[in-house]
Amino acid sequence: MQSFYKILLLAAVCCTVISCSRYEGDEMNVTLKKSNPEPVTVTVPFKADFMGTYMYAGPDALCGEWNPEGGVMNGMIINEGGGTGTQLGRFTHYFEFCCDFIEGYYPGGHMSAYFTAANGDILYVSCAGQVLNGRLDYHPADVNSYFKDPFIILGGTGRFEGATGSGFTDDYNRDSYPDNSFHHWSGTITLIKGRQ
C-alpha cells in the first residue's frame, strides 16, 4: 500500500510540474503575440505619367514681388490634371507653387503638390528645379519649354502613410489646350507593408 501512495505522490508531483511549465509557456506565447513588431517596408519602382492644365499663372502676394517693368516676376502657378501611375492607378494631381517667371526657378518658397488615387488616398510630393525654354530632340515639335528635375515623396494618407521615395521628372509644356503640361516621373517609392 505504501508503494501505491508513493507512486500516486510521484504522479501528482509530475502533473504539477508539467502543468506549471505549460502555464509559463502559454504566458510567454501570449506576450509574444501581443508585442508590436517593427514595421516592414518595401521599395518598388515608381512611375507616373500625367497631363495637366495651367489653371492660374500670375502674381500672388504669397510669392513675393511682381514688377515686370522692374524685371521681377515672382508669381503663383496652379496646375491640375491626372493620369496613371504605379501604386496609384488612375489619379488626379494638384500642384500649387511659386515660381520666378523670368529665370524659371521653382518653387520660390511655397509648394503644395499631391496625387489623389481613385480610392481617395493622397501621396504628397515635392519638386524643385528650373523650367528651360526650348525642347529636347525627343520632344514633340510644339514643345516650348521643359524641365528635368528631382522629386521627393513626402508621405501621404491611407496606404501612402509614411511613404518615402525620390526620382526625376521628364516634363514639358506644349502649345496645346486644355492639356498643356506633360509629366513623366520615374524613381522608387518605399511603402510600409500592410497599409491598405
N, C-alpha and C. Protein backbone atom coordinates (compact mmCIF):
# COMPACT_ATOMS: atom_id res chain seq x y z
N MET A 1 0.82 -1.18 0.00
CA MET A 1 0.00 0.00 0.00
C MET A 1 0.87 1.25 0.00
N GLN A 2 1.96 1.19 0.76
CA GLN A 2 2.87 2.34 0.78
C GLN A 2 3.45 2.60 -0.61
N SER A 3 3.74 1.59 -1.36
CA SER A 3 4.24 1.74 -2.72
C SER A 3 3.21 2.45 -3.58
N PHE A 4 1.94 2.12 -3.37
CA PHE A 4 0.88 2.75 -4.14
C PHE A 4 0.83 4.25 -3.86
N TYR A 5 0.94 4.66 -2.55
CA TYR A 5 0.92 6.07 -2.19
C TYR A 5 2.14 6.80 -2.75
N LYS A 6 3.28 6.12 -2.75
CA LYS A 6 4.49 6.74 -3.29
C LYS A 6 4.31 7.00 -4.80
N ILE A 7 3.74 6.03 -5.49
CA ILE A 7 3.53 6.19 -6.93
C ILE A 7 2.52 7.31 -7.18
N LEU A 8 1.46 7.34 -6.37
CA LEU A 8 0.44 8.38 -6.50
C LEU A 8 1.02 9.77 -6.23
N LEU A 9 1.84 9.87 -5.21
CA LEU A 9 2.50 11.14 -4.86
C LEU A 9 3.45 11.57 -5.99
N LEU A 10 4.22 10.63 -6.52
CA LEU A 10 5.12 10.93 -7.63
C LEU A 10 4.34 11.40 -8.86
N ALA A 11 3.22 10.78 -9.16
CA ALA A 11 2.39 11.17 -10.29
C ALA A 11 1.82 12.57 -10.08
N ALA A 12 1.40 12.89 -8.85
CA ALA A 12 0.86 14.22 -8.54
C ALA A 12 1.94 15.29 -8.72
N VAL A 13 3.16 15.04 -8.26
CA VAL A 13 4.27 15.99 -8.41
C VAL A 13 4.57 16.20 -9.89
N CYS A 14 4.62 15.13 -10.66
CA CYS A 14 4.89 15.24 -12.10
C CYS A 14 3.81 16.06 -12.80
N CYS A 15 2.54 15.80 -12.47
CA CYS A 15 1.44 16.56 -13.09
C CYS A 15 1.53 18.04 -12.73
N THR A 16 1.89 18.35 -11.50
CA THR A 16 2.01 19.74 -11.06
C THR A 16 3.14 20.44 -11.82
N VAL A 17 4.28 19.77 -11.95
CA VAL A 17 5.42 20.35 -12.68
C VAL A 17 5.05 20.57 -14.14
N ILE A 18 4.43 19.60 -14.77
CA ILE A 18 4.06 19.72 -16.18
C ILE A 18 3.04 20.84 -16.38
N SER A 19 2.04 20.92 -15.50
CA SER A 19 1.03 21.96 -15.68
C SER A 19 1.61 23.34 -15.43
N CYS A 20 2.54 23.48 -14.51
CA CYS A 20 3.17 24.79 -14.26
C CYS A 20 4.03 25.19 -15.45
N SER A 21 4.80 24.26 -15.99
CA SER A 21 5.66 24.62 -17.11
C SER A 21 4.81 24.94 -18.35
N ARG A 22 3.71 24.25 -18.53
CA ARG A 22 2.83 24.53 -19.66
C ARG A 22 2.20 25.92 -19.50
N TYR A 23 1.83 26.32 -18.27
CA TYR A 23 1.24 27.63 -17.99
C TYR A 23 2.25 28.74 -18.30
N GLU A 24 3.51 28.53 -17.87
CA GLU A 24 4.54 29.54 -18.13
C GLU A 24 4.75 29.70 -19.63
N GLY A 25 4.75 28.61 -20.36
CA GLY A 25 4.94 28.68 -21.81
C GLY A 25 3.79 29.40 -22.49
N ASP A 26 2.55 29.13 -22.05
CA ASP A 26 1.40 29.81 -22.63
C ASP A 26 1.47 31.31 -22.37
N GLU A 27 1.90 31.67 -21.15
CA GLU A 27 2.01 33.08 -20.82
C GLU A 27 3.05 33.76 -21.73
N MET A 28 4.14 33.03 -22.02
CA MET A 28 5.17 33.58 -22.89
C MET A 28 4.63 33.76 -24.31
N ASN A 29 3.86 32.78 -24.79
CA ASN A 29 3.28 32.89 -26.13
C ASN A 29 2.32 34.07 -26.22
N VAL A 30 1.54 34.30 -25.19
CA VAL A 30 0.61 35.43 -25.17
C VAL A 30 1.40 36.73 -25.25
N THR A 31 2.49 36.81 -24.51
CA THR A 31 3.32 38.01 -24.52
C THR A 31 3.90 38.24 -25.91
N LEU A 32 4.38 37.19 -26.56
CA LEU A 32 4.95 37.34 -27.89
C LEU A 32 3.89 37.78 -28.90
N LYS A 33 2.70 37.25 -28.80
CA LYS A 33 1.64 37.61 -29.73
C LYS A 33 1.23 39.07 -29.56
N LYS A 34 1.32 39.60 -28.35
CA LYS A 34 0.88 40.96 -28.10
C LYS A 34 1.94 42.00 -28.44
N SER A 35 3.18 41.59 -28.63
CA SER A 35 4.23 42.58 -28.91
C SER A 35 4.02 43.18 -30.30
N ASN A 36 4.44 44.44 -30.49
CA ASN A 36 4.29 45.13 -31.77
C ASN A 36 5.58 44.98 -32.56
N PRO A 37 5.53 44.24 -33.67
CA PRO A 37 6.74 44.07 -34.48
C PRO A 37 7.08 45.38 -35.19
N GLU A 38 8.35 45.52 -35.54
CA GLU A 38 8.79 46.69 -36.30
C GLU A 38 8.09 46.68 -37.66
N PRO A 39 7.72 47.88 -38.16
CA PRO A 39 7.07 47.90 -39.47
C PRO A 39 8.01 47.39 -40.57
N VAL A 40 7.43 46.70 -41.52
CA VAL A 40 8.19 46.16 -42.64
C VAL A 40 7.96 47.08 -43.84
N THR A 41 9.04 47.48 -44.49
CA THR A 41 8.92 48.36 -45.65
C THR A 41 9.32 47.61 -46.92
N VAL A 42 8.80 48.09 -48.03
CA VAL A 42 9.14 47.53 -49.32
C VAL A 42 9.40 48.69 -50.27
N THR A 43 10.49 48.59 -51.04
CA THR A 43 10.84 49.62 -52.01
C THR A 43 10.60 49.06 -53.41
N VAL A 44 9.80 49.78 -54.19
CA VAL A 44 9.43 49.33 -55.52
C VAL A 44 9.57 50.49 -56.51
N PRO A 45 9.62 50.18 -57.80
CA PRO A 45 9.69 51.26 -58.79
C PRO A 45 8.45 52.15 -58.73
N PHE A 46 8.64 53.42 -59.02
CA PHE A 46 7.54 54.38 -59.07
C PHE A 46 7.57 55.06 -60.43
N LYS A 47 6.43 55.07 -61.10
CA LYS A 47 6.33 55.71 -62.41
C LYS A 47 4.97 56.37 -62.50
N ALA A 48 4.94 57.60 -62.96
CA ALA A 48 3.67 58.32 -63.14
C ALA A 48 3.72 59.10 -64.44
N ASP A 49 2.69 58.95 -65.24
CA ASP A 49 2.53 59.70 -66.49
C ASP A 49 1.22 60.46 -66.38
N PHE A 50 1.29 61.80 -66.50
CA PHE A 50 0.08 62.58 -66.33
C PHE A 50 0.14 63.88 -67.13
N MET A 51 -1.05 64.44 -67.38
CA MET A 51 -1.18 65.69 -68.12
C MET A 51 -1.87 66.70 -67.22
N GLY A 52 -1.53 67.96 -67.42
CA GLY A 52 -2.15 68.99 -66.60
C GLY A 52 -2.52 70.23 -67.40
N THR A 53 -3.36 71.02 -66.77
CA THR A 53 -3.77 72.31 -67.32
C THR A 53 -3.34 73.39 -66.34
N TYR A 54 -2.77 74.47 -66.87
CA TYR A 54 -2.42 75.60 -66.01
C TYR A 54 -3.69 76.37 -65.70
N MET A 55 -4.17 76.24 -64.47
CA MET A 55 -5.39 76.91 -64.05
C MET A 55 -5.12 78.38 -63.72
N TYR A 56 -3.88 78.65 -63.29
CA TYR A 56 -3.50 80.03 -62.98
C TYR A 56 -1.99 80.17 -63.09
N ALA A 57 -1.55 81.28 -63.60
CA ALA A 57 -0.12 81.62 -63.64
C ALA A 57 -0.03 83.14 -63.61
N GLY A 58 0.35 83.67 -62.46
CA GLY A 58 0.42 85.12 -62.34
C GLY A 58 0.78 85.58 -60.95
N PRO A 59 0.59 86.87 -60.67
CA PRO A 59 1.00 87.43 -59.39
C PRO A 59 0.22 86.85 -58.22
N ASP A 60 0.90 86.76 -57.08
CA ASP A 60 0.29 86.32 -55.83
C ASP A 60 1.16 86.84 -54.69
N ALA A 61 0.53 87.45 -53.69
CA ALA A 61 1.27 88.04 -52.57
C ALA A 61 2.13 87.01 -51.84
N LEU A 62 1.70 85.77 -51.83
CA LEU A 62 2.44 84.70 -51.15
C LEU A 62 3.82 84.49 -51.77
N CYS A 63 3.96 84.81 -53.06
CA CYS A 63 5.20 84.50 -53.79
C CYS A 63 6.19 85.67 -53.85
N GLY A 64 5.80 86.83 -53.43
CA GLY A 64 6.74 87.94 -53.45
C GLY A 64 6.41 88.98 -54.49
N GLU A 65 7.41 89.72 -54.88
CA GLU A 65 7.22 90.88 -55.74
C GLU A 65 6.88 90.49 -57.17
N TRP A 66 5.92 91.23 -57.74
CA TRP A 66 5.55 91.10 -59.14
C TRP A 66 5.67 92.48 -59.77
N ASN A 67 6.76 92.70 -60.49
CA ASN A 67 7.03 94.01 -61.09
C ASN A 67 7.71 93.78 -62.44
N PRO A 68 6.92 93.47 -63.48
CA PRO A 68 7.51 93.18 -64.79
C PRO A 68 8.38 94.31 -65.33
N GLU A 69 7.98 95.56 -65.10
CA GLU A 69 8.79 96.69 -65.57
C GLU A 69 10.14 96.75 -64.88
N GLY A 70 10.19 96.30 -63.64
CA GLY A 70 11.44 96.28 -62.88
C GLY A 70 12.23 94.99 -63.04
N GLY A 71 11.74 94.06 -63.88
CA GLY A 71 12.46 92.81 -64.12
C GLY A 71 12.28 91.78 -63.03
N VAL A 72 11.19 91.89 -62.23
CA VAL A 72 10.91 90.92 -61.17
C VAL A 72 9.50 90.37 -61.37
N MET A 73 9.42 89.05 -61.54
CA MET A 73 8.11 88.41 -61.74
C MET A 73 8.05 87.11 -60.93
N ASN A 74 7.81 87.26 -59.63
CA ASN A 74 7.63 86.10 -58.76
C ASN A 74 6.13 85.87 -58.60
N GLY A 75 5.65 84.76 -59.11
CA GLY A 75 4.22 84.52 -59.10
C GLY A 75 3.84 83.10 -58.77
N MET A 76 2.54 82.86 -58.79
CA MET A 76 1.95 81.57 -58.44
C MET A 76 1.57 80.80 -59.70
N ILE A 77 1.79 79.49 -59.64
CA ILE A 77 1.31 78.59 -60.70
C ILE A 77 0.43 77.55 -60.04
N ILE A 78 -0.73 77.31 -60.65
CA ILE A 78 -1.63 76.24 -60.21
C ILE A 78 -1.88 75.34 -61.42
N ASN A 79 -1.58 74.05 -61.25
CA ASN A 79 -1.70 73.08 -62.34
C ASN A 79 -2.52 71.91 -61.83
N GLU A 80 -3.54 71.52 -62.60
CA GLU A 80 -4.38 70.39 -62.22
C GLU A 80 -4.55 69.45 -63.41
N GLY A 81 -4.78 68.18 -63.11
CA GLY A 81 -4.99 67.21 -64.17
C GLY A 81 -5.00 65.81 -63.61
N GLY A 82 -4.47 64.87 -64.38
CA GLY A 82 -4.45 63.49 -63.92
C GLY A 82 -3.76 62.57 -64.89
N GLY A 83 -3.67 61.32 -64.48
CA GLY A 83 -3.01 60.31 -65.31
C GLY A 83 -3.05 58.96 -64.62
N THR A 84 -2.02 58.16 -64.90
CA THR A 84 -1.90 56.83 -64.29
C THR A 84 -0.50 56.65 -63.74
N GLY A 85 -0.41 55.81 -62.71
CA GLY A 85 0.90 55.57 -62.10
C GLY A 85 0.94 54.27 -61.34
N THR A 86 2.14 53.74 -61.18
CA THR A 86 2.32 52.55 -60.35
C THR A 86 1.98 52.94 -58.92
N GLN A 87 1.38 52.03 -58.18
CA GLN A 87 0.94 52.22 -56.81
C GLN A 87 -0.26 53.17 -56.70
N LEU A 88 -0.49 54.01 -57.70
CA LEU A 88 -1.59 54.97 -57.67
C LEU A 88 -2.78 54.53 -58.51
N GLY A 89 -2.53 53.81 -59.59
CA GLY A 89 -3.59 53.54 -60.55
C GLY A 89 -3.97 54.84 -61.23
N ARG A 90 -5.27 55.03 -61.51
CA ARG A 90 -5.74 56.31 -62.05
C ARG A 90 -5.71 57.32 -60.93
N PHE A 91 -5.21 58.52 -61.20
CA PHE A 91 -5.13 59.53 -60.15
C PHE A 91 -5.36 60.92 -60.73
N THR A 92 -5.62 61.86 -59.83
CA THR A 92 -5.65 63.28 -60.19
C THR A 92 -4.48 63.95 -59.47
N HIS A 93 -4.07 65.11 -59.97
CA HIS A 93 -3.00 65.83 -59.27
C HIS A 93 -3.38 67.28 -59.08
N TYR A 94 -2.75 67.89 -58.07
CA TYR A 94 -2.90 69.31 -57.80
C TYR A 94 -1.53 69.85 -57.41
N PHE A 95 -1.02 70.80 -58.18
CA PHE A 95 0.25 71.45 -57.89
C PHE A 95 0.01 72.95 -57.75
N GLU A 96 0.51 73.51 -56.68
CA GLU A 96 0.43 74.95 -56.44
C GLU A 96 1.79 75.37 -55.92
N PHE A 97 2.46 76.27 -56.64
CA PHE A 97 3.80 76.64 -56.22
C PHE A 97 4.18 78.01 -56.76
N CYS A 98 5.14 78.62 -56.07
CA CYS A 98 5.68 79.90 -56.51
C CYS A 98 6.79 79.66 -57.51
N CYS A 99 6.95 80.60 -58.42
CA CYS A 99 7.94 80.46 -59.48
C CYS A 99 8.49 81.82 -59.87
N ASP A 100 9.76 81.85 -60.22
CA ASP A 100 10.38 83.04 -60.81
C ASP A 100 10.11 82.94 -62.31
N PHE A 101 9.19 83.74 -62.80
CA PHE A 101 8.76 83.64 -64.20
C PHE A 101 9.85 84.08 -65.18
N ILE A 102 10.82 84.83 -64.72
CA ILE A 102 11.88 85.30 -65.63
C ILE A 102 12.96 84.23 -65.77
N GLU A 103 13.46 83.71 -64.66
CA GLU A 103 14.54 82.71 -64.69
C GLU A 103 14.01 81.27 -64.75
N GLY A 104 12.75 81.07 -64.41
CA GLY A 104 12.15 79.74 -64.47
C GLY A 104 12.37 78.88 -63.24
N TYR A 105 12.98 79.42 -62.18
CA TYR A 105 13.23 78.61 -60.98
C TYR A 105 11.94 78.41 -60.19
N TYR A 106 11.77 77.21 -59.69
CA TYR A 106 10.61 76.87 -58.85
C TYR A 106 11.03 75.85 -57.81
N PRO A 107 10.35 75.65 -56.70
CA PRO A 107 9.38 76.60 -56.21
C PRO A 107 10.10 77.77 -55.54
N GLY A 108 9.48 78.90 -55.56
CA GLY A 108 10.05 80.08 -54.91
C GLY A 108 9.57 80.16 -53.48
N GLY A 109 9.80 79.14 -52.70
CA GLY A 109 9.39 79.12 -51.29
C GLY A 109 8.18 78.26 -51.03
N HIS A 110 7.07 78.54 -51.68
CA HIS A 110 5.82 77.82 -51.39
C HIS A 110 5.58 76.72 -52.42
N MET A 111 5.19 75.53 -51.91
CA MET A 111 4.76 74.46 -52.81
C MET A 111 3.79 73.55 -52.07
N SER A 112 2.68 73.25 -52.73
CA SER A 112 1.72 72.25 -52.27
C SER A 112 1.46 71.35 -53.46
N ALA A 113 1.84 70.09 -53.37
CA ALA A 113 1.71 69.19 -54.52
C ALA A 113 1.34 67.79 -54.05
N TYR A 114 0.33 67.21 -54.69
CA TYR A 114 -0.08 65.87 -54.30
C TYR A 114 -0.85 65.17 -55.42
N PHE A 115 -0.82 63.83 -55.33
CA PHE A 115 -1.59 62.96 -56.21
C PHE A 115 -2.72 62.36 -55.36
N THR A 116 -3.91 62.24 -55.92
CA THR A 116 -5.03 61.61 -55.22
C THR A 116 -5.45 60.38 -56.02
N ALA A 117 -5.29 59.20 -55.42
CA ALA A 117 -5.67 57.94 -56.07
C ALA A 117 -7.19 57.84 -56.14
N ALA A 118 -7.69 56.92 -56.95
CA ALA A 118 -9.13 56.76 -57.15
C ALA A 118 -9.86 56.47 -55.84
N ASN A 119 -9.22 55.80 -54.89
CA ASN A 119 -9.88 55.47 -53.62
C ASN A 119 -9.77 56.61 -52.60
N GLY A 120 -9.13 57.72 -52.98
CA GLY A 120 -9.01 58.86 -52.07
C GLY A 120 -7.70 58.96 -51.32
N ASP A 121 -6.85 57.93 -51.38
CA ASP A 121 -5.53 58.02 -50.73
C ASP A 121 -4.71 59.10 -51.41
N ILE A 122 -3.96 59.87 -50.61
CA ILE A 122 -3.19 61.00 -51.13
C ILE A 122 -1.70 60.72 -50.97
N LEU A 123 -0.93 61.05 -51.99
CA LEU A 123 0.53 60.94 -51.97
C LEU A 123 1.10 62.34 -52.15
N TYR A 124 1.81 62.84 -51.11
CA TYR A 124 2.39 64.18 -51.16
C TYR A 124 3.78 64.12 -51.79
N VAL A 125 4.06 65.10 -52.65
CA VAL A 125 5.35 65.14 -53.33
C VAL A 125 5.89 66.57 -53.31
N SER A 126 7.16 66.69 -53.61
CA SER A 126 7.79 67.99 -53.76
C SER A 126 8.76 67.91 -54.93
N CYS A 127 8.93 69.01 -55.62
CA CYS A 127 9.79 69.04 -56.79
C CYS A 127 10.43 70.42 -56.86
N ALA A 128 11.66 70.49 -57.31
CA ALA A 128 12.34 71.78 -57.42
C ALA A 128 13.29 71.74 -58.60
N GLY A 129 13.42 72.90 -59.27
CA GLY A 129 14.34 72.96 -60.39
C GLY A 129 14.14 74.22 -61.20
N GLN A 130 14.32 74.07 -62.52
CA GLN A 130 14.23 75.22 -63.41
C GLN A 130 13.56 74.80 -64.72
N VAL A 131 12.60 75.60 -65.15
CA VAL A 131 11.96 75.41 -66.44
C VAL A 131 12.85 76.08 -67.48
N LEU A 132 13.21 75.34 -68.52
CA LEU A 132 14.12 75.84 -69.56
C LEU A 132 13.35 76.06 -70.86
N ASN A 133 13.64 77.14 -71.55
CA ASN A 133 13.00 77.41 -72.84
C ASN A 133 13.52 76.44 -73.90
N GLY A 134 12.65 76.11 -74.86
CA GLY A 134 13.07 75.22 -75.94
C GLY A 134 12.57 73.81 -75.75
N ARG A 135 13.20 72.89 -76.46
CA ARG A 135 12.81 71.49 -76.42
C ARG A 135 14.02 70.60 -76.63
N LEU A 136 13.90 69.35 -76.22
CA LEU A 136 14.93 68.35 -76.49
C LEU A 136 14.55 67.59 -77.76
N ASP A 137 15.50 66.90 -78.37
CA ASP A 137 15.28 66.22 -79.66
C ASP A 137 14.09 65.26 -79.65
N TYR A 138 13.87 64.59 -78.53
CA TYR A 138 12.81 63.58 -78.50
C TYR A 138 11.44 64.17 -78.13
N HIS A 139 11.34 65.46 -77.89
CA HIS A 139 10.06 66.09 -77.57
C HIS A 139 9.24 66.34 -78.84
N PRO A 140 7.91 66.40 -78.70
CA PRO A 140 7.07 66.78 -79.85
C PRO A 140 7.46 68.16 -80.37
N ALA A 141 7.10 68.45 -81.61
CA ALA A 141 7.53 69.68 -82.28
C ALA A 141 6.99 70.95 -81.63
N ASP A 142 5.82 70.86 -80.97
CA ASP A 142 5.24 72.08 -80.41
C ASP A 142 5.61 72.32 -78.94
N VAL A 143 6.63 71.64 -78.43
CA VAL A 143 7.10 71.88 -77.06
C VAL A 143 7.81 73.23 -77.01
N ASN A 144 7.43 74.04 -75.99
CA ASN A 144 8.04 75.37 -75.87
C ASN A 144 8.97 75.50 -74.67
N SER A 145 8.86 74.58 -73.69
CA SER A 145 9.74 74.60 -72.52
C SER A 145 9.73 73.22 -71.87
N TYR A 146 10.77 72.94 -71.09
CA TYR A 146 10.86 71.62 -70.45
C TYR A 146 11.59 71.74 -69.13
N PHE A 147 11.46 70.67 -68.30
CA PHE A 147 12.15 70.62 -67.01
C PHE A 147 12.40 69.17 -66.64
N LYS A 148 13.63 68.88 -66.29
CA LYS A 148 14.07 67.55 -65.87
C LYS A 148 14.71 67.74 -64.50
N ASP A 149 13.91 67.52 -63.45
CA ASP A 149 14.33 67.87 -62.10
C ASP A 149 14.05 66.75 -61.11
N PRO A 150 14.70 66.77 -59.95
CA PRO A 150 14.43 65.75 -58.93
C PRO A 150 13.09 65.98 -58.23
N PHE A 151 12.44 64.88 -57.84
CA PHE A 151 11.25 64.97 -57.00
C PHE A 151 11.45 64.11 -55.77
N ILE A 152 10.69 64.42 -54.72
CA ILE A 152 10.76 63.69 -53.45
C ILE A 152 9.35 63.31 -53.04
N ILE A 153 9.18 62.11 -52.52
CA ILE A 153 7.90 61.66 -51.97
C ILE A 153 7.90 61.94 -50.47
N LEU A 154 6.84 62.61 -50.00
CA LEU A 154 6.80 63.13 -48.62
C LEU A 154 5.77 62.44 -47.73
N GLY A 155 5.30 61.26 -48.10
CA GLY A 155 4.29 60.59 -47.28
C GLY A 155 2.91 60.75 -47.86
N GLY A 156 1.91 60.50 -47.04
CA GLY A 156 0.55 60.64 -47.53
C GLY A 156 -0.47 60.07 -46.57
N THR A 157 -1.61 59.69 -47.10
CA THR A 157 -2.69 59.13 -46.30
C THR A 157 -2.99 57.72 -46.80
N GLY A 158 -3.70 56.94 -45.98
CA GLY A 158 -4.04 55.57 -46.36
C GLY A 158 -2.80 54.74 -46.58
N ARG A 159 -2.75 54.05 -47.71
CA ARG A 159 -1.60 53.17 -47.97
C ARG A 159 -0.31 53.94 -48.18
N PHE A 160 -0.38 55.27 -48.36
CA PHE A 160 0.82 56.08 -48.55
C PHE A 160 1.31 56.73 -47.25
N GLU A 161 0.67 56.42 -46.13
CA GLU A 161 1.13 56.98 -44.86
C GLU A 161 2.56 56.48 -44.59
N GLY A 162 3.47 57.39 -44.33
CA GLY A 162 4.86 57.04 -44.06
C GLY A 162 5.68 56.74 -45.30
N ALA A 163 5.12 56.91 -46.49
CA ALA A 163 5.85 56.61 -47.73
C ALA A 163 7.00 57.61 -47.93
N THR A 164 8.07 57.12 -48.52
CA THR A 164 9.20 57.96 -48.90
C THR A 164 9.62 57.55 -50.30
N GLY A 165 10.50 58.32 -50.90
CA GLY A 165 10.99 57.97 -52.21
C GLY A 165 11.51 59.18 -52.95
N SER A 166 12.01 58.92 -54.15
CA SER A 166 12.55 60.02 -54.96
C SER A 166 12.72 59.54 -56.39
N GLY A 167 13.04 60.49 -57.25
CA GLY A 167 13.26 60.18 -58.65
C GLY A 167 13.46 61.45 -59.44
N PHE A 168 13.22 61.36 -60.74
CA PHE A 168 13.41 62.51 -61.62
C PHE A 168 12.21 62.70 -62.53
N THR A 169 11.95 63.95 -62.85
CA THR A 169 10.88 64.29 -63.79
C THR A 169 11.46 64.35 -65.19
N ASP A 170 10.59 64.20 -66.16
CA ASP A 170 10.90 64.44 -67.57
C ASP A 170 9.65 65.10 -68.13
N ASP A 171 9.53 66.42 -67.92
CA ASP A 171 8.30 67.15 -68.17
C ASP A 171 8.49 68.21 -69.23
N TYR A 172 7.40 68.57 -69.89
CA TYR A 172 7.47 69.65 -70.87
C TYR A 172 6.11 70.31 -71.02
N ASN A 173 6.15 71.53 -71.56
CA ASN A 173 4.94 72.30 -71.86
C ASN A 173 4.79 72.39 -73.38
N ARG A 174 3.53 72.28 -73.83
CA ARG A 174 3.24 72.34 -75.26
C ARG A 174 2.27 73.48 -75.56
N ASP A 175 2.24 73.87 -76.80
CA ASP A 175 1.28 74.87 -77.26
C ASP A 175 -0.05 74.18 -77.57
N SER A 176 -0.64 73.55 -76.57
CA SER A 176 -1.90 72.83 -76.76
C SER A 176 -2.85 73.22 -75.63
N TYR A 177 -4.13 72.94 -75.82
CA TYR A 177 -5.11 73.27 -74.79
C TYR A 177 -6.25 72.26 -74.88
N PRO A 178 -6.87 71.83 -73.76
CA PRO A 178 -6.62 72.34 -72.42
C PRO A 178 -5.39 71.73 -71.76
N ASP A 179 -4.99 70.52 -72.15
CA ASP A 179 -3.81 69.92 -71.53
C ASP A 179 -2.56 70.50 -72.18
N ASN A 180 -1.79 71.27 -71.41
CA ASN A 180 -0.59 71.86 -71.99
C ASN A 180 0.68 71.56 -71.20
N SER A 181 0.58 70.75 -70.14
CA SER A 181 1.79 70.30 -69.45
C SER A 181 1.77 68.78 -69.38
N PHE A 182 2.90 68.19 -69.69
CA PHE A 182 3.01 66.74 -69.80
C PHE A 182 4.14 66.26 -68.90
N HIS A 183 3.83 65.27 -68.06
CA HIS A 183 4.74 64.87 -66.98
C HIS A 183 5.01 63.37 -67.03
N HIS A 184 6.28 63.04 -66.89
CA HIS A 184 6.73 61.64 -66.88
C HIS A 184 7.73 61.50 -65.75
N TRP A 185 7.28 60.93 -64.64
CA TRP A 185 8.11 60.80 -63.44
C TRP A 185 8.52 59.34 -63.26
N SER A 186 9.77 59.12 -62.90
CA SER A 186 10.22 57.76 -62.58
C SER A 186 11.23 57.79 -61.45
N GLY A 187 11.16 56.76 -60.61
CA GLY A 187 12.05 56.66 -59.45
C GLY A 187 11.66 55.45 -58.64
N THR A 188 11.74 55.57 -57.31
CA THR A 188 11.34 54.49 -56.42
C THR A 188 10.48 55.06 -55.29
N ILE A 189 9.65 54.19 -54.73
CA ILE A 189 8.82 54.55 -53.58
C ILE A 189 8.98 53.46 -52.54
N THR A 190 9.12 53.87 -51.28
CA THR A 190 9.20 52.93 -50.16
C THR A 190 7.91 53.04 -49.37
N LEU A 191 7.19 51.91 -49.26
CA LEU A 191 5.90 51.86 -48.59
C LEU A 191 6.00 50.99 -47.36
N ILE A 192 5.15 51.28 -46.37
CA ILE A 192 5.05 50.42 -45.19
C ILE A 192 4.12 49.28 -45.56
N LYS A 193 4.64 48.06 -45.52
CA LYS A 193 3.89 46.89 -45.96
C LYS A 193 2.67 46.68 -45.06
N GLY A 194 1.56 46.35 -45.70
CA GLY A 194 0.34 46.07 -44.96
C GLY A 194 -0.60 47.24 -44.89
N ARG A 195 -0.19 48.43 -45.35
CA ARG A 195 -1.11 49.59 -45.38
C ARG A 195 -2.15 49.33 -46.46
N GLN A 196 -3.40 49.55 -46.14
CA GLN A 196 -4.48 49.32 -47.11
C GLN A 196 -5.13 50.63 -47.48
